[in-house]
Amino acid sequence: MFRLTRKKIHPFILAAVIKILLLTQIAWRYGEDLQTLGLAAHSTFHYELTRTLSRAAGFSAEEAELIAVADEATDTGNFTGETGVNVQIEGTKRISAAGPYWHFARRDRDNATNEYFYPGARNTCEYFSGTLQACPNGQAELDEIEKWAMYGTAAPSAGTPQISRDSGKIFQNVQSKTPEALAIYLHALADSYSHEACMKSEQFRGHKPNPNECNAVAWHSEAEFGHNPQQDTGVSYTEEAAQATWFALKWYRQQNHLVGAAVWNDEQALKFIKGWVRLEQALVRREVAVKAMETM
């Protein structure tokens, strides 16, 4: 999850907070200081950036809003966007038996049908080879999620998430090949990069105090955005995650034969992404993403 403004936290306080959260089974939510704008704490990556890239890929403003709200709700369980669109999702909680499946998913070098390479072209299942956590039958979780979301070929082995768009009155299974399913896939796809450094160094799918790449606050608040190569060691992963999001949005439209041309070409999208992930402050990232969408 890509979140948080930059704040220094004493390591002993940080360790105590993490322990309390884990013991009480509260999902760690990396909220940025956006409540003053009328929004609940959320990720500028999963909401603002995803919304802008969706619009740039050819989705309508309404579709882009739904995709971004559902992407964020995959984390928080309940999220309302700026236009009042509300989505509630059950079955994707991070602190649950299925949590690693949706939020710490592993991916192959290319997508599930071998039609394109993911940015970086790394098989993160290989980080776990020879351990009890190796990818089952050599298949990455992300392959399963993509097959369900993009192609509708099978239900996820972790169970089909449920969704409500009427303030939680009625929940129904998320249907494959829908914008909501796409949003859940985009969330897992982005998280597969956000948590990759910890998986690589520790063969660990989760958060823990050490090393820094596994520490929820140290990594997500200090490393994933910015322009300081020594401190912002996660920026390359964030950039790849954004690129992967862009290509997946385009791929979804192609697979579902949706009409309407993309607003941006690849060069424009990748240029925007490169600059956006190097913005350190959450409110600035939000403003830049919103202004870019307003020009479409």
C-alpha atoms as a PDB file:
ATOM      1  CA  MET A   1       0.000   0.000   0.000  1.00  0.00           C
ATOM      2  CA  PHE A   2       1.330   3.382  -0.940  1.00  0.00           C
ATOM      3  CA  ARG A   3       0.672   5.912   1.807  1.00  0.00           C
ATOM      4  CA  LEU A   4       1.480   8.462   4.437  1.00  0.00           C
ATOM      5  CA  THR A   5       3.213  11.799   4.676  1.00  0.00           C
ATOM      6  CA  ARG A   6       6.822  11.871   5.901  1.00  0.00           C
ATOM      7  CA  LYS A   7       7.206  11.786   9.677  1.00  0.00           C
ATOM      8  CA  LYS A   8      10.029  10.516  11.845  1.00  0.00           C
ATOM      9  CA  ILE A   9       8.836   8.034  14.485  1.00  0.00           C
ATOM     10  CA  HIS A  10      10.989   6.720  17.315  1.00  0.00           C
ATOM     11  CA  PRO A  11      11.732   3.022  16.605  1.00  0.00           C
ATOM     12  CA  PHE A  12      10.572   1.884  20.069  1.00  0.00           C
ATOM     13  CA  ILE A  13       7.245   3.695  19.673  1.00  0.00           C
ATOM     14  CA  LEU A  14       6.873   2.285  16.171  1.00  0.00           C
ATOM     15  CA  ALA A  15       7.506  -1.282  17.355  1.00  0.00           C
ATOM     16  CA  ALA A  16       4.963  -0.898  20.159  1.00  0.00           C
ATOM     17  CA  VAL A  17       2.303   0.442  17.809  1.00  0.00           C
ATOM     18  CA  ILE A  18       2.847  -2.390  15.330  1.00  0.00           C
ATOM     19  CA  LYS A  19       2.617  -4.960  18.132  1.00  0.00           C
ATOM     20  CA  ILE A  20      -0.662  -3.475  19.401  1.00  0.00           C
ATOM     21  CA  LEU A  21      -2.168  -3.426  15.923  1.00  0.00           C
ATOM     22  CA  LEU A  22      -1.217  -7.000  15.244  1.00  0.00           C
ATOM     23  CA  LEU A  23      -2.486  -8.227  18.606  1.00  0.00           C
ATOM     24  CA  THR A  24      -5.833  -6.474  18.162  1.00  0.00           C
ATOM     25  CA  GLN A  25      -6.103  -7.617  14.533  1.00  0.00           C
ATOM     26  CA  ILE A  26      -6.707  -4.073  13.293  1.00  0.00           C
ATOM     27  CA  ALA A  27      -5.840  -3.630   9.629  1.00  0.00           C
ATOM     28  CA  TRP A  28      -2.984  -1.193   9.192  1.00  0.00           C
ATOM     29  CA  ARG A  29      -4.248   1.614   7.019  1.00  0.00           C
ATOM     30  CA  TYR A  30      -1.697   3.959   5.592  1.00  0.00           C
ATOM     31  CA  GLY A  31      -3.767   7.129   5.669  1.00  0.00           C
ATOM     32  CA  GLU A  32      -2.560  10.395   4.248  1.00  0.00           C
ATOM     33  CA  ASP A  33      -3.608  13.755   5.620  1.00  0.00           C
ATOM     34  CA  LEU A  34      -6.533  14.246   3.259  1.00  0.00           C
ATOM     35  CA  GLN A  35      -9.379  14.275   5.759  1.00  0.00           C
ATOM     36  CA  THR A  36      -9.447  18.080   5.636  1.00  0.00           C
ATOM     37  CA  LEU A  37     -10.602  17.814   2.030  1.00  0.00           C
ATOM     38  CA  GLY A  38     -13.692  15.881   2.994  1.00  0.00           C
ATOM     39  CA  LEU A  39     -12.244  12.461   2.240  1.00  0.00           C
ATOM     40  CA  ALA A  40     -11.410   9.651   4.609  1.00  0.00           C
ATOM     41  CA  ALA A  41      -7.746   8.787   5.023  1.00  0.00           C
ATOM     42  CA  HIS A  42      -6.637   7.063   1.850  1.00  0.00           C
ATOM     43  CA  SER A  43      -3.835   6.383  -0.606  1.00  0.00           C
ATOM     44  CA  THR A  44      -3.071   8.919  -3.313  1.00  0.00           C
ATOM     45  CA  PHE A  45      -1.820   5.991  -5.417  1.00  0.00           C
ATOM     46  CA  HIS A  46      -4.914   3.813  -5.156  1.00  0.00           C
ATOM     47  CA  TYR A  47      -7.401   6.675  -5.437  1.00  0.00           C
ATOM     48  CA  GLU A  48      -6.121   9.851  -7.144  1.00  0.00           C
ATOM     49  CA  LEU A  49      -3.469   8.324  -9.387  1.00  0.00           C
ATOM     50  CA  THR A  50      -5.589   5.320 -10.359  1.00  0.00           C
ATOM     51  CA  ARG A  51      -8.488   7.645 -11.193  1.00  0.00           C
ATOM     52  CA  THR A  52      -6.310   9.859 -13.380  1.00  0.00           C
ATOM     53  CA  LEU A  53      -4.736   6.921 -15.210  1.00  0.00           C
ATOM     54  CA  SER A  54      -8.153   5.323 -15.724  1.00  0.00           C
ATOM     55  CA  ARG A  55      -9.478   8.504 -17.295  1.00  0.00           C
ATOM     56  CA  ALA A  56      -6.343   8.848 -19.429  1.00  0.00           C
ATOM     57  CA  ALA A  57      -6.726   5.239 -20.619  1.00  0.00           C
ATOM     58  CA  GLY A  58     -10.152   6.013 -22.070  1.00  0.00           C
ATOM     59  CA  PHE A  59     -12.621   5.371 -19.243  1.00  0.00           C
ATOM     60  CA  SER A  60     -15.307   7.983 -18.653  1.00  0.00           C
ATOM     61  CA  ALA A  61     -15.052  10.235 -15.606  1.00  0.00           C
ATOM     62  CA  GLU A  62     -17.781   8.193 -13.894  1.00  0.00           C
ATOM     63  CA  GLU A  63     -16.065   4.882 -14.660  1.00  0.00           C
ATOM     64  CA  ALA A  64     -12.698   6.216 -13.535  1.00  0.00           C
ATOM     65  CA  GLU A  65     -14.226   7.341 -10.235  1.00  0.00           C
ATOM     66  CA  LEU A  66     -15.808   3.924  -9.623  1.00  0.00           C
ATOM     67  CA  ILE A  67     -12.570   2.085 -10.396  1.00  0.00           C
ATOM     68  CA  ALA A  68     -10.553   4.319  -8.071  1.00  0.00           C
ATOM     69  CA  VAL A  69     -13.086   4.176  -5.228  1.00  0.00           C
ATOM     70  CA  ALA A  70     -13.267   0.370  -5.450  1.00  0.00           C
ATOM     71  CA  ASP A  71      -9.466   0.191  -5.576  1.00  0.00           C
ATOM     72  CA  GLU A  72      -9.252   2.124  -2.314  1.00  0.00           C
ATOM     73  CA  ALA A  73     -12.107   0.169  -0.740  1.00  0.00           C
ATOM     74  CA  THR A  74     -10.135  -3.027  -1.347  1.00  0.00           C
ATOM     75  CA  ASP A  75      -7.918  -1.742   1.472  1.00  0.00           C
ATOM     76  CA  THR A  76     -10.239   0.168   3.750  1.00  0.00           C
ATOM     77  CA  GLY A  77     -13.374  -1.931   3.236  1.00  0.00           C
ATOM     78  CA  ASN A  78     -15.467   1.211   2.810  1.00  0.00           C
ATOM     79  CA  PHE A  79     -14.628   4.340   0.844  1.00  0.00           C
ATOM     80  CA  THR A  80     -16.544   7.298  -0.547  1.00  0.00           C
ATOM     81  CA  GLY A  81     -15.012   9.333  -3.360  1.00  0.00           C
ATOM     82  CA  GLU A  82     -15.281  13.025  -4.120  1.00  0.00           C
ATOM     83  CA  THR A  83     -18.410  12.643  -6.226  1.00  0.00           C
ATOM     84  CA  GLY A  84     -20.242  10.732  -3.507  1.00  0.00           C
ATOM     85  CA  VAL A  85     -19.699   7.266  -5.017  1.00  0.00           C
ATOM     86  CA  ASN A  86     -19.508   4.766  -2.168  1.00  0.00           C
ATOM     87  CA  VAL A  87     -18.145   1.221  -2.379  1.00  0.00           C
ATOM     88  CA  GLN A  88     -17.934  -1.330   0.413  1.00  0.00           C
ATOM     89  CA  ILE A  89     -15.983  -4.538  -0.110  1.00  0.00           C
ATOM     90  CA  GLU A  90     -15.837  -7.662   2.032  1.00  0.00           C
ATOM     91  CA  GLY A  91     -13.407 -10.541   1.645  1.00  0.00           C
ATOM     92  CA  THR A  92     -10.194  -8.605   1.045  1.00  0.00           C
ATOM     93  CA  LYS A  93      -9.174  -7.582   4.568  1.00  0.00           C
ATOM     94  CA  ARG A  94      -5.424  -7.411   5.008  1.00  0.00           C
ATOM     95  CA  ILE A  95      -5.568  -8.922   8.505  1.00  0.00           C
ATOM     96  CA  SER A  96      -7.302 -12.170   7.598  1.00  0.00           C
ATOM     97  CA  ALA A  97      -6.484 -15.605   6.272  1.00  0.00           C
ATOM     98  CA  ALA A  98      -6.886 -14.240   2.735  1.00  0.00           C
ATOM     99  CA  GLY A  99      -4.977 -11.015   3.451  1.00  0.00           C
ATOM    100  CA  PRO A 100      -1.669 -12.016   1.840  1.00  0.00           C
ATOM    101  CA  TYR A 101      -3.547 -13.198  -1.253  1.00  0.00           C
ATOM    102  CA  TRP A 102      -4.965  -9.735  -2.017  1.00  0.00           C
ATOM    103  CA  HIS A 103      -2.346  -7.389  -0.563  1.00  0.00           C
ATOM    104  CA  PHE A 104       0.945  -9.270  -0.724  1.00  0.00           C
ATOM    105  CA  ALA A 105       0.325 -11.103  -3.979  1.00  0.00           C
ATOM    106  CA  ARG A 106       3.192 -12.521  -5.989  1.00  0.00           C
ATOM    107  CA  ARG A 107       3.437 -12.159  -9.744  1.00  0.00           C
ATOM    108  CA  ASP A 108       5.157 -13.797 -12.685  1.00  0.00           C
ATOM    109  CA  ARG A 109       7.426 -12.045 -15.173  1.00  0.00           C
ATOM    110  CA  ASP A 110       4.516 -11.661 -17.551  1.00  0.00           C
ATOM    111  CA  ASN A 111       0.778 -11.637 -17.192  1.00  0.00           C
ATOM    112  CA  ALA A 112      -1.391 -14.725 -16.748  1.00  0.00           C
ATOM    113  CA  THR A 113      -1.767 -15.360 -20.484  1.00  0.00           C
ATOM    114  CA  ASN A 114       1.834 -14.534 -21.450  1.00  0.00           C
ATOM    115  CA  GLU A 115       0.706 -11.673 -23.650  1.00  0.00           C
ATOM    116  CA  TYR A 116       2.780  -8.909 -22.085  1.00  0.00           C
ATOM    117  CA  PHE A 117       5.549  -8.475 -19.518  1.00  0.00           C
ATOM    118  CA  TYR A 118       4.968  -6.720 -16.251  1.00  0.00           C
ATOM    119  CA  PRO A 119       7.283  -3.734 -15.685  1.00  0.00           C
ATOM    120  CA  GLY A 120      10.539  -5.095 -14.316  1.00  0.00           C
ATOM    121  CA  ALA A 121       9.759  -8.583 -15.651  1.00  0.00           C
ATOM    122  CA  ARG A 122      10.556 -10.271 -12.327  1.00  0.00           C
ATOM    123  CA  ASN A 123       9.039 -13.502 -11.056  1.00  0.00           C
ATOM    124  CA  THR A 124       8.511 -12.808  -7.371  1.00  0.00           C
ATOM    125  CA  CYS A 125       7.519 -16.421  -6.712  1.00  0.00           C
ATOM    126  CA  GLU A 126      11.217 -17.173  -7.079  1.00  0.00           C
ATOM    127  CA  TYR A 127      11.917 -15.244  -3.883  1.00  0.00           C
ATOM    128  CA  PHE A 128      10.119 -18.035  -2.012  1.00  0.00           C
ATOM    129  CA  SER A 129      11.498 -21.096  -3.776  1.00  0.00           C
ATOM    130  CA  GLY A 130      12.311 -23.947  -1.411  1.00  0.00           C
ATOM    131  CA  THR A 131      10.145 -22.611   1.417  1.00  0.00           C
ATOM    132  CA  LEU A 132       6.721 -23.501   2.725  1.00  0.00           C
ATOM    133  CA  GLN A 133       5.467 -20.240   1.232  1.00  0.00           C
ATOM    134  CA  ALA A 134       6.405 -21.086  -2.340  1.00  0.00           C
ATOM    135  CA  CYS A 135       3.744 -20.253  -4.916  1.00  0.00           C
ATOM    136  CA  PRO A 136       1.382 -23.251  -5.144  1.00  0.00           C
ATOM    137  CA  ASN A 137       2.002 -25.214  -8.331  1.00  0.00           C
ATOM    138  CA  GLY A 138       4.266 -22.404  -9.434  1.00  0.00           C
ATOM    139  CA  GLN A 139       1.312 -20.081 -10.040  1.00  0.00           C
ATOM    140  CA  ALA A 140       1.442 -16.565  -8.642  1.00  0.00           C
ATOM    141  CA  GLU A 141      -1.593 -15.221  -6.810  1.00  0.00           C
ATOM    142  CA  LEU A 142      -1.684 -12.300  -9.223  1.00  0.00           C
ATOM    143  CA  ASP A 143      -2.218 -14.705 -12.127  1.00  0.00           C
ATOM    144  CA  GLU A 144      -5.369 -16.027 -10.466  1.00  0.00           C
ATOM    145  CA  ILE A 145      -6.690 -12.561  -9.747  1.00  0.00           C
ATOM    146  CA  GLU A 146      -6.008 -11.372 -13.279  1.00  0.00           C
ATOM    147  CA  LYS A 147      -7.683 -14.412 -14.858  1.00  0.00           C
ATOM    148  CA  TRP A 148     -10.775 -13.715 -12.784  1.00  0.00           C
ATOM    149  CA  ALA A 149     -10.828  -9.939 -13.236  1.00  0.00           C
ATOM    150  CA  MET A 150      -9.770  -9.700 -16.887  1.00  0.00           C
ATOM    151  CA  TYR A 151     -10.939 -12.949 -18.446  1.00  0.00           C
ATOM    152  CA  GLY A 152     -13.568 -14.419 -16.123  1.00  0.00           C
ATOM    153  CA  THR A 153     -12.012 -17.873 -16.390  1.00  0.00           C
ATOM    154  CA  ALA A 154     -12.135 -18.892 -12.702  1.00  0.00           C
ATOM    155  CA  ALA A 155     -13.060 -17.619  -9.263  1.00  0.00           C
ATOM    156  CA  PRO A 156     -10.151 -16.644  -6.990  1.00  0.00           C
ATOM    157  CA  SER A 157      -9.000 -19.517  -4.769  1.00  0.00           C
ATOM    158  CA  ALA A 158      -9.173 -17.185  -1.760  1.00  0.00           C
ATOM    159  CA  GLY A 159     -12.875 -16.700  -2.400  1.00  0.00           C
ATOM    160  CA  THR A 160     -14.838 -14.146  -4.392  1.00  0.00           C
ATOM    161  CA  PRO A 161     -15.016 -10.709  -2.737  1.00  0.00           C
ATOM    162  CA  GLN A 162     -18.422  -9.214  -2.091  1.00  0.00           C
ATOM    163  CA  ILE A 163     -19.394  -5.647  -2.858  1.00  0.00           C
ATOM    164  CA  SER A 164     -22.091  -3.171  -1.907  1.00  0.00           C
ATOM    165  CA  ARG A 165     -22.827   0.106  -3.636  1.00  0.00           C
ATOM    166  CA  ASP A 166     -25.866   0.988  -1.499  1.00  0.00           C
ATOM    167  CA  SER A 167     -24.178   1.834   1.814  1.00  0.00           C
ATOM    168  CA  GLY A 168     -23.890  -1.801   2.849  1.00  0.00           C
ATOM    169  CA  LYS A 169     -27.568  -2.710   2.562  1.00  0.00           C
ATOM    170  CA  ILE A 170     -26.992  -5.526   0.074  1.00  0.00           C
ATOM    171  CA  PHE A 171     -23.725  -7.320  -0.679  1.00  0.00           C
ATOM    172  CA  GLN A 172     -23.241  -9.379  -3.828  1.00  0.00           C
ATOM    173  CA  ASN A 173     -20.323 -11.301  -5.290  1.00  0.00           C
ATOM    174  CA  VAL A 174     -18.053  -9.126  -7.419  1.00  0.00           C
ATOM    175  CA  GLN A 175     -18.615 -10.254 -10.980  1.00  0.00           C
ATOM    176  CA  SER A 176     -15.584 -10.975 -13.131  1.00  0.00           C
ATOM    177  CA  LYS A 177     -14.671  -8.679 -16.035  1.00  0.00           C
ATOM    178  CA  THR A 178     -16.387  -5.726 -14.353  1.00  0.00           C
ATOM    179  CA  PRO A 179     -14.817  -2.381 -13.392  1.00  0.00           C
ATOM    180  CA  GLU A 180     -15.055  -3.434  -9.734  1.00  0.00           C
ATOM    181  CA  ALA A 181     -13.141  -6.660 -10.401  1.00  0.00           C
ATOM    182  CA  LEU A 182     -10.601  -4.672 -12.388  1.00  0.00           C
ATOM    183  CA  ALA A 183     -10.175  -2.317  -9.419  1.00  0.00           C
ATOM    184  CA  ILE A 184      -9.429  -5.194  -7.053  1.00  0.00           C
ATOM    185  CA  TYR A 185      -6.888  -6.565  -9.505  1.00  0.00           C
ATOM    186  CA  LEU A 186      -5.260  -3.152  -9.871  1.00  0.00           C
ATOM    187  CA  HIS A 187      -4.939  -2.953  -6.097  1.00  0.00           C
ATOM    188  CA  ALA A 188      -3.271  -6.358  -5.838  1.00  0.00           C
ATOM    189  CA  LEU A 189      -1.060  -5.529  -8.814  1.00  0.00           C
ATOM    190  CA  ALA A 190       0.191  -2.285  -7.275  1.00  0.00           C
ATOM    191  CA  ASP A 191       0.701  -3.912  -3.876  1.00  0.00           C
ATOM    192  CA  SER A 192       2.748  -6.677  -5.494  1.00  0.00           C
ATOM    193  CA  TYR A 193       5.350  -3.993  -6.208  1.00  0.00           C
ATOM    194  CA  SER A 194       4.907  -2.040  -2.973  1.00  0.00           C
ATOM    195  CA  HIS A 195       5.750  -5.119  -0.893  1.00  0.00           C
ATOM    196  CA  GLU A 196       8.241  -6.723  -3.255  1.00  0.00           C
ATOM    197  CA  ALA A 197      11.393  -5.516  -1.480  1.00  0.00           C
ATOM    198  CA  CYS A 198      10.337  -7.229   1.750  1.00  0.00           C
ATOM    199  CA  MET A 199       9.424 -10.423  -0.098  1.00  0.00           C
ATOM    200  CA  LYS A 200      12.801 -10.419  -1.804  1.00  0.00           C
ATOM    201  CA  SER A 201      14.946  -9.788   1.263  1.00  0.00           C
ATOM    202  CA  GLU A 202      12.947 -11.712   3.877  1.00  0.00           C
ATOM    203  CA  GLN A 203      10.684 -14.152   2.011  1.00  0.00           C
ATOM    204  CA  PHE A 204       7.961 -12.489   4.058  1.00  0.00           C
ATOM    205  CA  ARG A 205       4.455 -11.407   3.043  1.00  0.00           C
ATOM    206  CA  GLY A 206       3.371  -8.886   5.623  1.00  0.00           C
ATOM    207  CA  HIS A 207       4.770  -6.154   7.851  1.00  0.00           C
ATOM    208  CA  LYS A 208       7.300  -6.406  10.653  1.00  0.00           C
ATOM    209  CA  PRO A 209       9.636  -3.919  12.374  1.00  0.00           C
ATOM    210  CA  ASN A 210      12.858  -4.943  10.620  1.00  0.00           C
ATOM    211  CA  PRO A 211      14.322  -4.566   8.080  1.00  0.00           C
ATOM    212  CA  ASN A 212      13.108  -1.184   6.830  1.00  0.00           C
ATOM    213  CA  GLU A 213      11.630  -2.597   3.633  1.00  0.00           C
ATOM    214  CA  CYS A 214       9.237  -4.656   5.781  1.00  0.00           C
ATOM    215  CA  ASN A 215       8.432  -1.873   8.234  1.00  0.00           C
ATOM    216  CA  ALA A 216       5.016  -0.400   7.434  1.00  0.00           C
ATOM    217  CA  VAL A 217       5.827   3.177   8.437  1.00  0.00           C
ATOM    218  CA  ALA A 218       9.504   3.353   7.494  1.00  0.00           C
ATOM    219  CA  TRP A 219       8.923   1.905   4.026  1.00  0.00           C
ATOM    220  CA  HIS A 220       5.584   3.404   3.071  1.00  0.00           C
ATOM    221  CA  SER A 221       6.227   6.862   4.527  1.00  0.00           C
ATOM    222  CA  GLU A 222       9.915   7.306   3.787  1.00  0.00           C
ATOM    223  CA  ALA A 223      10.848   5.181   0.809  1.00  0.00           C
ATOM    224  CA  GLU A 224       8.089   4.934  -1.784  1.00  0.00           C
ATOM    225  CA  PHE A 225       7.859   8.546  -2.976  1.00  0.00           C
ATOM    226  CA  GLY A 226      10.444  11.275  -3.484  1.00  0.00           C
ATOM    227  CA  HIS A 227      13.629  12.126  -5.341  1.00  0.00           C
ATOM    228  CA  ASN A 228      16.407  11.244  -2.889  1.00  0.00           C
ATOM    229  CA  PRO A 229      18.014   7.975  -4.096  1.00  0.00           C
ATOM    230  CA  GLN A 230      19.559   7.249  -0.682  1.00  0.00           C
ATOM    231  CA  GLN A 231      16.317   7.680   1.261  1.00  0.00           C
ATOM    232  CA  ASP A 232      13.590   7.017  -1.289  1.00  0.00           C
ATOM    233  CA  THR A 233      14.689   3.482  -2.111  1.00  0.00           C
ATOM    234  CA  GLY A 234      11.192   2.331  -2.996  1.00  0.00           C
ATOM    235  CA  VAL A 235      10.500   4.874  -5.741  1.00  0.00           C
ATOM    236  CA  SER A 236      11.546   2.496  -8.513  1.00  0.00           C
ATOM    237  CA  TYR A 237       8.958  -0.022  -7.277  1.00  0.00           C
ATOM    238  CA  THR A 238       6.272   2.677  -7.110  1.00  0.00           C
ATOM    239  CA  GLU A 239       7.079   3.799 -10.631  1.00  0.00           C
ATOM    240  CA  GLU A 240       6.810   0.232 -11.917  1.00  0.00           C
ATOM    241  CA  ALA A 241       3.529  -0.228 -10.043  1.00  0.00           C
ATOM    242  CA  ALA A 242       2.095   2.864 -11.714  1.00  0.00           C
ATOM    243  CA  GLN A 243       3.302   1.706 -15.118  1.00  0.00           C
ATOM    244  CA  ALA A 244       1.746  -1.707 -14.501  1.00  0.00           C
ATOM    245  CA  THR A 245      -1.530  -0.006 -13.560  1.00  0.00           C
ATOM    246  CA  TRP A 246      -1.481   1.979 -16.800  1.00  0.00           C
ATOM    247  CA  PHE A 247      -0.828  -1.062 -18.981  1.00  0.00           C
ATOM    248  CA  ALA A 248      -3.468  -3.133 -17.150  1.00  0.00           C
ATOM    249  CA  LEU A 249      -6.089  -0.427 -17.696  1.00  0.00           C
ATOM    250  CA  LYS A 250      -5.320  -0.400 -21.402  1.00  0.00           C
ATOM    251  CA  TRP A 251      -5.295  -4.208 -21.515  1.00  0.00           C
ATOM    252  CA  TYR A 252      -8.700  -4.408 -19.862  1.00  0.00           C
ATOM    253  CA  ARG A 253     -10.203  -2.083 -22.440  1.00  0.00           C
ATOM    254  CA  GLN A 254      -8.660  -4.081 -25.268  1.00  0.00           C
ATOM    255  CA  GLN A 255      -9.803  -7.434 -23.877  1.00  0.00           C
ATOM    256  CA  ASN A 256     -13.349  -6.206 -23.381  1.00  0.00           C
ATOM    257  CA  HIS A 257     -13.491  -4.411 -26.744  1.00  0.00           C
ATOM    258  CA  LEU A 258     -14.486  -1.125 -25.165  1.00  0.00           C
ATOM    259  CA  VAL A 259     -15.002   1.781 -27.532  1.00  0.00           C
ATOM    260  CA  GLY A 260     -13.248   5.098 -27.111  1.00  0.00           C
ATOM    261  CA  ALA A 261      -9.622   6.022 -27.576  1.00  0.00           C
ATOM    262  CA  ALA A 262      -7.166   6.666 -24.783  1.00  0.00           C
ATOM    263  CA  VAL A 263      -6.591  10.327 -23.930  1.00  0.00           C
ATOM    264  CA  TRP A 264      -2.872   9.807 -23.366  1.00  0.00           C
ATOM    265  CA  ASN A 265      -0.395   7.717 -25.291  1.00  0.00           C
ATOM    266  CA  ASP A 266       2.232   5.624 -23.505  1.00  0.00           C
ATOM    267  CA  GLU A 267       4.849   8.355 -23.655  1.00  0.00           C
ATOM    268  CA  GLN A 268       2.544  10.876 -22.000  1.00  0.00           C
ATOM    269  CA  ALA A 269       1.440   8.427 -19.319  1.00  0.00           C
ATOM    270  CA  LEU A 270       4.931   7.267 -18.433  1.00  0.00           C
ATOM    271  CA  LYS A 271       6.227  10.845 -18.319  1.00  0.00           C
ATOM    272  CA  PHE A 272       3.446  11.821 -15.918  1.00  0.00           C
ATOM    273  CA  ILE A 273       4.097   8.762 -13.754  1.00  0.00           C
ATOM    274  CA  LYS A 274       7.825   9.445 -13.555  1.00  0.00           C
ATOM    275  CA  GLY A 275       7.243  12.946 -12.223  1.00  0.00           C
ATOM    276  CA  TRP A 276       4.326  12.053  -9.968  1.00  0.00           C
ATOM    277  CA  VAL A 277       6.052   9.328  -7.951  1.00  0.00           C
ATOM    278  CA  ARG A 278       8.885  11.743  -7.143  1.00  0.00           C
ATOM    279  CA  LEU A 279       6.560  14.180  -5.383  1.00  0.00           C
ATOM    280  CA  GLU A 280       7.165  13.786  -1.661  1.00  0.00           C
ATOM    281  CA  GLN A 281       4.034  15.354  -0.183  1.00  0.00           C
ATOM    282  CA  ALA A 282       0.708  13.553  -0.360  1.00  0.00           C
ATOM    283  CA  LEU A 283      -1.326  16.718  -0.839  1.00  0.00           C
ATOM    284  CA  VAL A 284       0.886  17.772  -3.736  1.00  0.00           C
ATOM    285  CA  ARG A 285       0.486  14.354  -5.373  1.00  0.00           C
ATOM    286  CA  ARG A 286      -3.249  14.690  -4.990  1.00  0.00           C
ATOM    287  CA  GLU A 287      -3.316  18.175  -6.508  1.00  0.00           C
ATOM    288  CA  VAL A 288      -1.173  17.176  -9.491  1.00  0.00           C
ATOM    289  CA  ALA A 289      -3.310  14.100 -10.212  1.00  0.00           C
ATOM    290  CA  VAL A 290      -6.566  16.067  -9.924  1.00  0.00           C
ATOM    291  CA  LYS A 291      -5.345  18.868 -12.205  1.00  0.00           C
ATOM    292  CA  ALA A 292      -4.170  16.382 -14.800  1.00  0.00           C
ATOM    293  CA  MET A 293      -7.574  14.688 -14.829  1.00  0.00           C
ATOM    294  CA  GLU A 294      -9.386  18.012 -15.099  1.00  0.00           C
ATOM    295  CA  THR A 295      -7.659  18.695 -18.426  1.00  0.00           C
ATOM    296  CA  MET A 296      -9.081  15.531 -20.043  1.00  0.00           C
END
